Amino acid sequence: MSSSIDRALLALSLDEQNKSFNMPDLPEYCSSENNVLSIIGRVLNPSSQNRANLILDMPRKWRLYDRVRGIALSPEKFQFFFKNEQDLEAILEKGVHTYNEWTLVIERWVEHPPPDYLQHILVWVQLRNIPVNHYNVPAITWLGELVGQVKEVVLDTSKSQKQDFVRVKLKFDVSKLLQRSKVVNLPKKAGAFTILFDFERVQKRCFACQRLTHDHLACPMALKRNQMKEEEDKLHRLGVEIPKKKLIVESDPLFGVVEDHQIEICSITGKPKIDKTVVEGMRQYLLMAEGAERLARAYRIRSSLEALKNDPLGQKTMLRLESAPLVSTDLNKEKGIVFNYGDKAVSSDKELKALKSGNVLGDVRAGGSSIKTHDGVSLRPKGVFKRLGTSKVKDGYDSQSSSTVQRTGIFQAILSGTTLIKNYKRSRPSKNQRKNLVSRINAGSENKVEDMEGMSSKRKRVDEADPPSKVARRTNNEMVRNEGLSNV
């Protein structure tokens, strides 16, 4: 047996082990139709975000419960399936999602994901300490580009603004650090100012490098920074200069036309100053011409880059191929539920008196079929508007639903308006009273003497009578006043 296994192992080769296999191109092997109503996400800090608990806890956090189910795809990635389009869009519109106070990256499923899939999040950032002479959309857009790609700016210069910040919506790369502040120099030597950035719905981050992928206790950037600093200090003591790598060599068509500092990575934003597609387009533009025409094209490229040098919006749209930001006037857009009770006081004494006394019949007749509170909640008396002959109550009266009954209690404020806290009283007799009643009934049934000759009909003893009904126990002050029939 062992000899046959050895011969089989010797017959194997590395080429057979590394041979790839093709997936059958058949409909039953594809699940794209099932993934249409789904989202893909990944955790940024796997050591602090348990994937198994996330699959169970996120539906409860979203308040969807049985309308969404999740599966684990890898140690970092997961997928949630929704039953309808509305729930899926509502989750995506909430913006940044977190689990265990660490950020999650969530995007809608696509059949062929791009290279930067699950690499960015859409986050609202508050910009503070903006110079008064640069309080406009182009300047705010440029300031927002310092930390990410600006998608939308919320600013309305025609109205008063009580907030000391401006909100911008950014497409933020989660591999970059979260800038808390930046020092910006004003033109014409007018000084410098520090712009402050506050990221909404972002909770934990690394204290050392301000990234979302790890805790400060396990920060690799701090260790790498210390190692690089030691190497630089060592070379500096030895008198050795560190050569810089050239981006454009002599064999490149752009040599002498574009400088290295024009296409390098920006040290502030961490993004290339010119997109790779634009750089390649410049090369092809020069290679398609010779002689004087090529010199003319080189001059056009230099003049175009020089014209865009002081135009941040032009650099964003033309050189980096990013879309121009939208401008909105809704200051609280996608900010969540904003409660404002300052201007929602009771509009008149009429409503306040009706709420306190409960006697709303006359007011309803005077002004309509119902009374509305300050937040639009309709107060409609229940028992008053029941037509005679159709009400399912005894004697044509329902003391529990009538609005003209004076009840004790207090009012409480809820999200939908003002409601009355009712004080319910226990109507059941005490235990001793119930025992005495039973004993009296039993004694009366044993000692009952029927006189068949002197009585034409039987009559129950007083002790045997049924307990009085609720109608008999009602007092006069709880009866409906004679106000006539309702015309509603």
Protein backbone atom coordinates (compact mmCIF):
# COMPACT_ATOMS: atom_id res chain seq x y z
CA MET A 1 0.00 0.00 0.00
CA SER A 2 2.74 2.42 0.92
CA SER A 3 4.68 1.63 -2.24
CA SER A 4 1.70 2.50 -4.44
CA ILE A 5 1.29 5.84 -2.63
CA ASP A 6 4.98 6.62 -3.13
CA ARG A 7 4.73 5.85 -6.87
CA ALA A 8 1.68 8.13 -7.14
CA LEU A 9 3.53 10.96 -5.39
CA LEU A 10 6.54 10.55 -7.66
CA ALA A 11 4.28 10.69 -10.70
CA LEU A 12 2.97 14.12 -9.67
CA SER A 13 4.61 17.25 -11.02
CA LEU A 14 4.56 20.92 -10.05
CA ASP A 15 2.86 21.81 -13.33
CA GLU A 16 -0.13 19.64 -12.49
CA GLN A 17 -0.46 21.14 -9.02
CA ASN A 18 -0.43 24.74 -10.31
CA LYS A 19 -2.71 24.08 -13.25
CA SER A 20 -5.72 26.42 -13.31
CA PHE A 21 -9.30 25.42 -13.98
CA ASN A 22 -12.05 27.29 -15.80
CA MET A 23 -15.46 27.89 -14.24
CA PRO A 24 -18.32 26.59 -16.42
CA ASP A 25 -20.06 29.45 -18.23
CA LEU A 26 -23.59 28.25 -17.47
CA PRO A 27 -26.54 30.06 -15.82
CA GLU A 28 -26.81 27.57 -12.96
CA TYR A 29 -23.24 28.34 -11.91
CA CYS A 30 -23.89 32.10 -11.59
CA SER A 31 -25.67 33.83 -8.68
CA SER A 32 -25.62 37.40 -10.02
CA GLU A 33 -29.42 37.61 -10.04
CA ASN A 34 -29.54 36.85 -6.32
CA ASN A 35 -26.95 39.54 -5.55
CA VAL A 36 -28.85 42.45 -7.08
CA LEU A 37 -30.44 43.48 -3.77
CA SER A 38 -27.30 43.15 -1.66
CA ILE A 39 -24.41 45.18 -0.28
CA ILE A 40 -20.78 44.20 0.21
CA GLY A 41 -18.75 45.47 3.13
CA ARG A 42 -15.52 44.97 4.98
CA VAL A 43 -14.26 45.67 8.47
CA LEU A 44 -11.32 48.03 8.85
CA ASN A 45 -10.07 46.71 12.19
CA PRO A 46 -10.59 42.92 12.27
CA SER A 47 -8.95 42.61 15.69
CA SER A 48 -11.69 44.77 17.26
CA GLN A 49 -14.64 43.88 14.99
CA ASN A 50 -15.82 40.30 15.34
CA ARG A 51 -17.25 39.25 11.99
CA ALA A 52 -19.61 36.59 13.38
CA ASN A 53 -21.18 39.01 15.87
CA LEU A 54 -21.43 41.66 13.16
CA ILE A 55 -23.58 39.38 10.97
CA LEU A 56 -26.07 38.97 13.83
CA ASP A 57 -25.99 42.47 15.31
CA MET A 58 -26.20 44.72 12.22
CA PRO A 59 -29.81 43.76 11.28
CA ARG A 60 -30.88 44.68 14.83
CA LYS A 61 -28.88 47.89 14.66
CA TRP A 62 -30.56 48.79 11.35
CA ARG A 63 -33.97 47.80 12.81
CA LEU A 64 -34.66 45.52 9.87
CA TYR A 65 -34.60 42.22 11.82
CA ASP A 66 -36.16 39.59 9.51
CA ARG A 67 -35.91 41.73 6.36
CA VAL A 68 -32.16 41.27 5.89
CA ARG A 69 -29.73 38.37 6.21
CA GLY A 70 -25.94 38.36 6.16
CA ILE A 71 -23.19 35.95 5.19
CA ALA A 72 -19.44 35.98 5.75
CA LEU A 73 -17.30 36.05 2.61
CA SER A 74 -13.80 36.25 4.10
CA PRO A 75 -12.15 37.20 7.41
CA GLU A 76 -12.76 40.86 6.50
CA LYS A 77 -15.61 40.94 3.96
CA PHE A 78 -19.32 40.27 4.44
CA GLN A 79 -22.54 40.53 2.44
CA PHE A 80 -26.11 41.44 3.38
CA PHE A 81 -29.17 40.54 1.29
CA PHE A 82 -32.30 42.72 1.41
CA LYS A 83 -35.89 41.90 0.51
CA ASN A 84 -36.73 45.25 -1.10
CA GLU A 85 -35.01 48.17 -2.74
CA GLN A 86 -36.21 50.74 -0.20
CA ASP A 87 -34.39 49.15 2.73
CA LEU A 88 -31.17 48.83 0.74
CA GLU A 89 -31.19 52.48 -0.35
CA ALA A 90 -32.05 53.63 3.18
CA ILE A 91 -28.97 51.87 4.55
CA LEU A 92 -26.69 53.35 1.88
CA GLU A 93 -28.08 56.86 2.49
CA LYS A 94 -27.19 56.75 6.18
CA GLY A 95 -23.55 57.42 5.34
CA VAL A 96 -20.83 56.04 7.57
CA HIS A 97 -21.64 52.82 9.42
CA THR A 98 -19.75 51.60 12.47
CA TYR A 99 -19.55 48.40 14.48
CA ASN A 100 -17.95 48.25 17.91
CA GLU A 101 -17.19 51.98 17.36
CA TRP A 102 -14.91 51.21 14.38
CA THR A 103 -15.81 52.23 10.83
CA LEU A 104 -17.21 49.85 8.20
CA VAL A 105 -16.84 50.22 4.42
CA ILE A 106 -20.12 49.39 2.69
CA GLU A 107 -20.94 49.63 -1.02
CA ARG A 108 -23.61 48.25 -3.27
CA TRP A 109 -22.86 44.99 -5.06
CA VAL A 110 -21.60 45.27 -8.64
CA GLU A 111 -20.95 42.36 -10.96
CA HIS A 112 -17.51 43.61 -12.03
CA PRO A 113 -16.07 45.72 -9.18
CA PRO A 114 -13.49 48.42 -10.00
CA PRO A 115 -9.96 48.34 -8.57
CA ASP A 116 -10.83 50.79 -5.77
CA TYR A 117 -13.94 48.86 -4.69
CA LEU A 118 -14.49 48.96 -0.88
CA GLN A 119 -11.69 51.49 -0.56
CA HIS A 120 -13.70 54.70 -0.03
CA ILE A 121 -16.50 55.93 2.21
CA LEU A 122 -18.82 58.89 1.76
CA VAL A 123 -18.57 61.02 4.88
CA TRP A 124 -19.78 64.48 5.86
CA VAL A 125 -17.06 66.78 7.19
CA GLN A 126 -17.53 70.05 9.06
CA LEU A 127 -15.08 72.80 8.08
CA ARG A 128 -14.42 75.37 10.79
CA ASN A 129 -12.39 78.56 11.09
CA ILE A 130 -12.93 79.54 7.43
CA PRO A 131 -11.51 83.00 6.57
CA VAL A 132 -14.20 85.62 6.18
CA ASN A 133 -12.80 86.80 2.83
CA HIS A 134 -12.96 83.27 1.37
CA TYR A 135 -16.46 82.25 2.42
CA ASN A 136 -17.70 80.98 -0.95
CA VAL A 137 -18.16 77.68 -2.79
CA PRO A 138 -14.84 77.60 -4.74
CA ALA A 139 -12.72 78.35 -1.66
CA ILE A 140 -14.62 75.86 0.52
CA THR A 141 -14.32 73.22 -2.21
CA TRP A 142 -10.57 73.72 -2.34
CA LEU A 143 -10.32 73.45 1.45
CA GLY A 144 -12.32 70.23 1.40
CA GLU A 145 -10.00 68.78 -1.24
CA LEU A 146 -7.24 68.82 1.36
CA VAL A 147 -8.74 65.72 2.99
CA GLY A 148 -10.73 64.03 0.22
CA GLN A 149 -12.66 64.30 -3.00
CA VAL A 150 -15.48 66.82 -2.56
CA LYS A 151 -18.83 65.58 -3.83
CA GLU A 152 -21.18 68.19 -2.39
CA VAL A 153 -21.04 71.52 -0.59
CA VAL A 154 -23.87 72.74 1.65
CA LEU A 155 -23.90 76.52 1.61
CA ASP A 156 -26.62 79.16 1.17
CA THR A 157 -25.13 82.65 1.17
CA SER A 158 -28.56 84.28 0.72
CA LYS A 159 -29.80 83.29 4.19
CA SER A 160 -28.61 83.70 7.75
CA GLN A 161 -26.53 80.89 9.16
CA LYS A 162 -26.19 80.26 12.91
CA GLN A 163 -23.72 77.40 12.57
CA ASP A 164 -20.01 78.19 12.80
CA PHE A 165 -19.07 75.56 10.21
CA VAL A 166 -19.79 74.51 6.64
CA ARG A 167 -20.60 70.89 5.77
CA VAL A 168 -19.09 69.17 2.74
CA LYS A 169 -19.58 65.60 1.54
CA LEU A 170 -16.30 63.82 0.77
CA LYS A 171 -15.25 60.59 -0.85
CA PHE A 172 -12.58 59.58 1.62
CA ASP A 173 -9.91 56.93 1.11
CA VAL A 174 -9.87 54.74 4.23
CA SER A 175 -6.15 54.00 3.76
CA LYS A 176 -5.34 57.69 4.32
CA LEU A 177 -5.14 59.45 7.65
CA LEU A 178 -7.95 61.67 8.91
CA GLN A 179 -6.67 65.22 8.90
CA ARG A 180 -7.87 67.13 11.96
CA SER A 181 -6.38 70.47 10.91
CA LYS A 182 -4.33 72.12 8.19
CA VAL A 183 -2.34 75.35 8.07
CA VAL A 184 -3.18 77.36 4.94
CA ASN A 185 -1.31 80.45 3.78
CA LEU A 186 -3.42 83.34 2.51
CA PRO A 187 -2.52 85.08 -0.76
CA LYS A 188 -0.65 88.38 -0.93
CA LYS A 189 1.15 87.63 2.33
CA ALA A 190 -2.03 88.17 4.32
CA GLY A 191 -0.94 85.67 6.92
CA ALA A 192 -1.95 82.09 7.62
CA PHE A 193 -4.90 80.36 9.27
CA THR A 194 -5.65 76.86 10.56
CA ILE A 195 -8.63 75.11 9.03
CA LEU A 196 -10.29 72.50 11.28
CA PHE A 197 -12.00 69.29 10.09
CA ASP A 198 -14.61 67.34 12.06
CA PHE A 199 -15.72 64.01 10.57
CA GLU A 200 -19.35 63.16 11.30
CA ARG A 201 -20.31 59.63 12.47
CA VAL A 202 -16.65 58.57 12.67
CA GLN A 203 -15.78 57.33 16.14
CA LYS A 204 -12.53 55.49 16.86
CA ARG A 205 -9.20 56.02 15.10
CA CYS A 206 -5.50 55.58 15.76
CA PHE A 207 -4.10 58.29 18.03
CA ALA A 208 -0.64 58.03 16.43
CA CYS A 209 -1.38 58.19 12.67
CA GLN A 210 -5.12 59.12 12.64
CA ARG A 211 -6.07 56.07 10.54
CA LEU A 212 -9.18 53.90 10.79
CA THR A 213 -7.53 50.51 10.36
CA HIS A 214 -5.88 49.89 13.72
CA ASP A 215 -5.47 51.03 17.31
CA HIS A 216 -2.57 53.17 18.48
CA LEU A 217 -1.14 50.22 20.40
CA ALA A 218 -0.63 48.30 17.13
CA CYS A 219 0.26 51.19 14.83
CA PRO A 220 2.74 50.05 12.13
CA MET A 221 3.27 53.62 10.92
CA ALA A 222 4.79 54.71 14.22
CA LEU A 223 7.28 51.83 14.08
CA LYS A 224 8.14 52.52 10.44
CA ARG A 225 8.54 56.24 11.12
CA ASN A 226 10.99 55.54 13.90
CA GLN A 227 13.02 53.17 11.70
CA MET A 228 13.18 55.66 8.80
CA LYS A 229 14.19 58.44 11.13
CA GLU A 230 17.05 56.32 12.48
CA GLU A 231 18.27 55.53 8.95
CA GLU A 232 18.10 59.17 7.85
CA ASP A 233 20.00 60.27 10.95
CA LYS A 234 22.65 57.63 10.27
CA LEU A 235 23.10 58.76 6.62
CA HIS A 236 23.13 62.40 7.70
CA ARG A 237 25.92 61.71 10.20
CA LEU A 238 27.89 59.98 7.45
CA GLY A 239 27.34 62.93 5.10
CA VAL A 240 25.46 60.91 2.46
CA GLU A 241 22.64 62.61 0.57
CA ILE A 242 19.59 60.51 -0.30
CA PRO A 243 18.98 60.78 -4.06
CA LYS A 244 15.44 61.42 -5.23
CA LYS A 245 13.90 59.10 -7.77
CA LYS A 246 13.06 60.86 -11.04
CA LEU A 247 9.56 60.36 -12.38
CA ILE A 248 10.33 61.51 -15.93
CA VAL A 249 13.49 60.12 -17.51
CA GLU A 250 15.22 61.32 -20.68
CA SER A 251 13.59 58.67 -22.86
CA ASP A 252 10.12 59.85 -21.85
CA PRO A 253 8.34 62.08 -24.44
CA LEU A 254 7.37 64.40 -21.59
CA PHE A 255 11.01 65.03 -20.65
CA GLY A 256 11.61 68.79 -20.70
CA VAL A 257 7.87 69.50 -21.04
CA VAL A 258 6.49 68.46 -17.65
CA GLU A 259 8.42 68.68 -14.40
CA ASP A 260 8.50 66.01 -11.71
CA HIS A 261 6.84 68.25 -9.13
CA GLN A 262 3.85 68.67 -11.45
CA ILE A 263 2.92 64.96 -11.56
CA GLU A 264 4.18 63.76 -8.16
CA ILE A 265 2.05 62.77 -5.20
CA CYS A 266 0.79 65.77 -3.26
CA SER A 267 2.19 65.70 0.26
CA ILE A 268 -0.93 67.38 1.66
CA THR A 269 -3.77 65.41 0.06
CA GLY A 270 -1.89 62.15 -0.65
CA LYS A 271 -3.28 62.08 -4.22
CA PRO A 272 -1.37 62.46 -7.52
CA LYS A 273 -1.48 66.00 -8.85
CA ILE A 274 -2.29 64.73 -12.35
CA ASP A 275 -4.23 61.56 -13.07
CA LYS A 276 -2.36 58.74 -14.83
CA THR A 277 -4.83 58.85 -17.72
CA VAL A 278 -4.09 62.52 -18.33
CA VAL A 279 -0.32 61.92 -18.21
CA GLU A 280 -0.60 59.09 -20.72
CA GLY A 281 -2.78 61.28 -22.93
CA MET A 282 -0.03 63.94 -22.95
CA ARG A 283 2.50 61.35 -24.09
CA GLN A 284 0.30 60.14 -26.94
CA TYR A 285 -0.43 63.74 -27.90
CA LEU A 286 3.30 64.42 -28.36
CA LEU A 287 4.09 61.12 -30.09
CA MET A 288 1.52 61.79 -32.81
CA ALA A 289 3.50 64.76 -34.16
CA GLU A 290 7.01 65.53 -35.35
CA GLY A 291 9.16 68.62 -35.89
CA ALA A 292 7.52 72.00 -35.48
CA GLU A 293 4.12 70.53 -34.73
CA ARG A 294 5.56 68.61 -31.79
CA LEU A 295 7.16 71.78 -30.42
CA ALA A 296 3.83 73.58 -30.75
CA ARG A 297 2.05 70.80 -28.87
CA ALA A 298 4.67 70.87 -26.13
CA TYR A 299 4.09 74.61 -25.76
CA ARG A 300 0.32 74.05 -25.45
CA ILE A 301 0.84 71.48 -22.67
CA ARG A 302 3.13 73.82 -20.72
CA SER A 303 0.79 76.78 -21.11
CA SER A 304 -2.23 74.71 -20.06
CA LEU A 305 -0.50 73.48 -16.89
CA GLU A 306 0.63 77.02 -16.12
CA ALA A 307 -2.95 78.35 -16.55
CA LEU A 308 -4.30 75.72 -14.13
CA LYS A 309 -1.60 76.39 -11.56
CA ASN A 310 -3.79 78.82 -9.58
CA ASP A 311 -7.14 77.20 -10.38
CA PRO A 312 -7.92 74.45 -7.82
CA LEU A 313 -11.31 73.67 -9.34
CA GLY A 314 -9.77 73.34 -12.80
CA GLN A 315 -7.08 71.03 -11.42
CA LYS A 316 -9.80 68.89 -9.84
CA THR A 317 -11.92 68.51 -12.97
CA MET A 318 -9.30 68.63 -15.77
CA LEU A 319 -6.09 67.20 -14.32
CA ARG A 320 -7.42 64.73 -11.72
CA LEU A 321 -10.62 63.92 -13.70
CA GLU A 322 -12.88 64.34 -10.66
CA SER A 323 -16.45 65.55 -10.92
CA ALA A 324 -17.30 69.07 -9.79
CA PRO A 325 -19.03 69.23 -6.36
CA LEU A 326 -22.77 69.78 -6.04
CA VAL A 327 -24.08 72.78 -4.14
CA SER A 328 -26.96 72.34 -1.68
CA THR A 329 -28.79 74.80 0.59
CA ASP A 330 -30.10 72.22 3.10
CA LEU A 331 -27.84 72.77 6.11
CA ASN A 332 -28.92 69.51 7.80
CA LYS A 333 -28.86 67.27 4.74
CA GLU A 334 -28.29 63.60 5.60
CA LYS A 335 -27.45 64.63 9.14
CA GLY A 336 -30.12 62.45 10.72
CA ILE A 337 -33.13 63.36 12.86
CA VAL A 338 -32.90 66.97 14.02
CA PHE A 339 -35.27 67.92 16.84
CA ASN A 340 -36.26 71.57 17.11
CA TYR A 341 -38.87 72.45 19.72
CA GLY A 342 -38.02 76.14 19.91
CA ASP A 343 -40.76 77.32 17.53
CA LYS A 344 -43.27 74.59 18.30
CA ALA A 345 -45.13 76.14 21.23
CA VAL A 346 -48.91 75.87 21.61
CA SER A 347 -50.38 78.36 19.20
CA SER A 348 -53.38 79.57 21.24
CA ASP A 349 -54.98 79.42 24.67
CA LYS A 350 -57.93 77.62 23.11
CA GLU A 351 -55.91 74.48 22.45
CA LEU A 352 -54.24 74.59 25.87
CA LYS A 353 -57.58 74.85 27.68
CA ALA A 354 -59.02 72.02 25.59
CA LEU A 355 -56.08 69.79 26.39
CA LYS A 356 -56.21 70.47 30.13
CA SER A 357 -59.96 70.20 30.64
CA GLY A 358 -60.77 67.54 28.06
CA ASN A 359 -64.00 69.41 27.16
CA VAL A 360 -63.44 69.76 23.42
CA LEU A 361 -67.02 69.23 22.23
CA GLY A 362 -67.93 72.87 22.00
CA ASP A 363 -64.65 73.84 20.37
CA VAL A 364 -64.99 71.06 17.82
CA ARG A 365 -68.46 72.21 16.88
CA ALA A 366 -67.27 75.76 16.53
CA GLY A 367 -64.20 75.05 14.43
CA GLY A 368 -64.58 71.63 12.85
CA SER A 369 -64.57 67.97 13.59
CA SER A 370 -61.23 67.89 15.42
CA ILE A 371 -58.61 70.05 17.10
CA LYS A 372 -54.98 69.95 16.01
CA THR A 373 -52.05 70.52 18.30
CA HIS A 374 -48.94 72.54 17.48
CA ASP A 375 -47.28 69.62 15.69
CA GLY A 376 -50.30 68.67 13.60
CA VAL A 377 -51.68 65.85 15.76
CA SER A 378 -55.48 65.62 15.44
CA LEU A 379 -57.41 65.29 18.69
CA ARG A 380 -60.78 63.69 17.91
CA PRO A 381 -63.12 62.80 20.82
CA LYS A 382 -64.16 59.18 20.62
CA GLY A 383 -67.49 58.90 22.45
CA VAL A 384 -68.98 62.26 21.42
CA PHE A 385 -69.05 61.53 17.71
CA LYS A 386 -70.72 58.09 17.99
CA ARG A 387 -74.15 58.26 16.43
CA LEU A 388 -77.10 57.05 18.47
CA GLY A 389 -78.17 53.52 17.60
CA THR A 390 -74.74 52.54 16.21
CA SER A 391 -72.68 52.80 19.40
CA LYS A 392 -71.89 49.46 20.99
CA VAL A 393 -72.28 50.65 24.58
CA LYS A 394 -74.96 50.16 27.21
CA ASP A 395 -77.67 52.83 27.58
CA GLY A 396 -76.19 54.80 24.65
CA TYR A 397 -73.30 56.05 26.77
CA ASP A 398 -69.65 55.11 27.10
CA SER A 399 -67.91 56.80 30.01
CA GLN A 400 -64.50 55.50 28.99
CA SER A 401 -64.56 57.08 25.51
CA SER A 402 -66.51 60.26 26.16
CA SER A 403 -64.48 63.44 25.88
CA THR A 404 -66.71 65.46 28.22
CA VAL A 405 -65.79 63.42 31.30
CA GLN A 406 -63.41 65.15 33.67
CA ARG A 407 -60.53 62.75 34.27
CA THR A 408 -57.54 63.13 36.51
CA GLY A 409 -54.06 62.69 35.11
CA ILE A 410 -51.11 64.51 33.64
CA PHE A 411 -49.97 65.17 30.10
CA GLN A 412 -46.70 63.92 28.67
CA ALA A 413 -44.86 65.03 25.53
CA ILE A 414 -44.18 62.33 22.94
CA LEU A 415 -42.69 62.43 19.44
CA SER A 416 -46.11 62.57 17.78
CA GLY A 417 -47.70 65.15 20.08
CA THR A 418 -49.23 65.42 23.55
CA THR A 419 -51.10 62.54 25.17
CA LEU A 420 -52.92 62.05 28.45
CA ILE A 421 -51.52 59.64 31.02
CA LYS A 422 -54.62 57.90 32.40
CA ASN A 423 -54.82 56.78 36.01
CA TYR A 424 -56.66 53.46 36.00
CA LYS A 425 -58.43 52.46 39.22
CA ARG A 426 -58.88 48.83 40.23
CA SER A 427 -62.64 48.10 40.18
CA ARG A 428 -62.41 44.60 41.65
CA PRO A 429 -63.56 44.35 45.35
CA SER A 430 -61.08 43.40 48.00
CA LYS A 431 -60.56 39.80 49.08
CA ASN A 432 -62.53 40.17 52.33
CA GLN A 433 -65.47 41.75 50.54
CA ARG A 434 -65.58 38.93 48.02
CA LYS A 435 -65.51 36.30 50.80
CA ASN A 436 -68.32 38.02 52.73
CA LEU A 437 -70.43 38.27 49.58
CA VAL A 438 -70.01 34.56 48.82
CA SER A 439 -70.86 33.57 52.39
CA ARG A 440 -74.01 35.69 52.38
CA ILE A 441 -75.15 34.22 49.08
CA ASN A 442 -74.59 30.67 50.31
CA ALA A 443 -76.39 31.32 53.60
CA GLY A 444 -79.30 32.91 51.80
CA SER A 445 -79.67 29.99 49.39
CA GLU A 446 -79.79 27.47 52.28
CA ASN A 447 -82.31 29.40 54.44
CA LYS A 448 -84.50 30.58 51.62
CA VAL A 449 -88.17 29.86 52.28
CA GLU A 450 -90.55 29.97 49.41
CA ASP A 451 -94.15 30.77 50.08
CA MET A 452 -95.97 29.30 47.10
CA GLU A 453 -99.39 30.21 48.40
CA GLY A 454 -98.90 33.88 49.28
CA MET A 455 -96.62 34.84 46.48
CA SER A 456 -97.56 34.76 42.83
CA SER A 457 -93.94 35.05 41.71
CA LYS A 458 -90.53 34.43 43.21
CA ARG A 459 -88.28 37.29 44.16
CA LYS A 460 -84.61 37.13 44.98
CA ARG A 461 -83.25 38.28 48.28
CA VAL A 462 -81.32 41.49 48.39
CA ASP A 463 -78.21 39.55 49.31
CA GLU A 464 -78.60 37.33 46.25
CA ALA A 465 -78.78 40.21 43.81
CA ASP A 466 -76.02 40.55 41.26
CA PRO A 467 -73.31 43.07 41.98
CA PRO A 468 -74.25 46.51 40.69
CA SER A 469 -73.13 47.22 37.16
CA LYS A 470 -70.80 50.01 36.14
CA VAL A 471 -73.75 52.05 34.92
CA ALA A 472 -75.31 52.01 38.39
CA ARG A 473 -72.10 53.12 40.03
CA ARG A 474 -71.62 56.14 37.80
CA THR A 475 -72.00 59.53 39.40
CA ASN A 476 -73.97 62.43 38.04
CA ASN A 477 -70.94 64.58 37.35
CA GLU A 478 -69.74 62.04 34.76
CA MET A 479 -72.90 62.16 32.65
CA VAL A 480 -72.91 63.82 29.24
CA ARG A 481 -74.47 67.25 29.35
CA ASN A 482 -77.53 67.92 27.23
CA GLU A 483 -75.88 69.66 24.32
CA GLY A 484 -77.97 68.18 21.52
CA LEU A 485 -76.98 65.76 18.84
CA SER A 486 -73.69 66.15 17.02
CA ASN A 487 -73.94 67.31 13.42
CA VAL A 488 -70.73 65.48 12.50
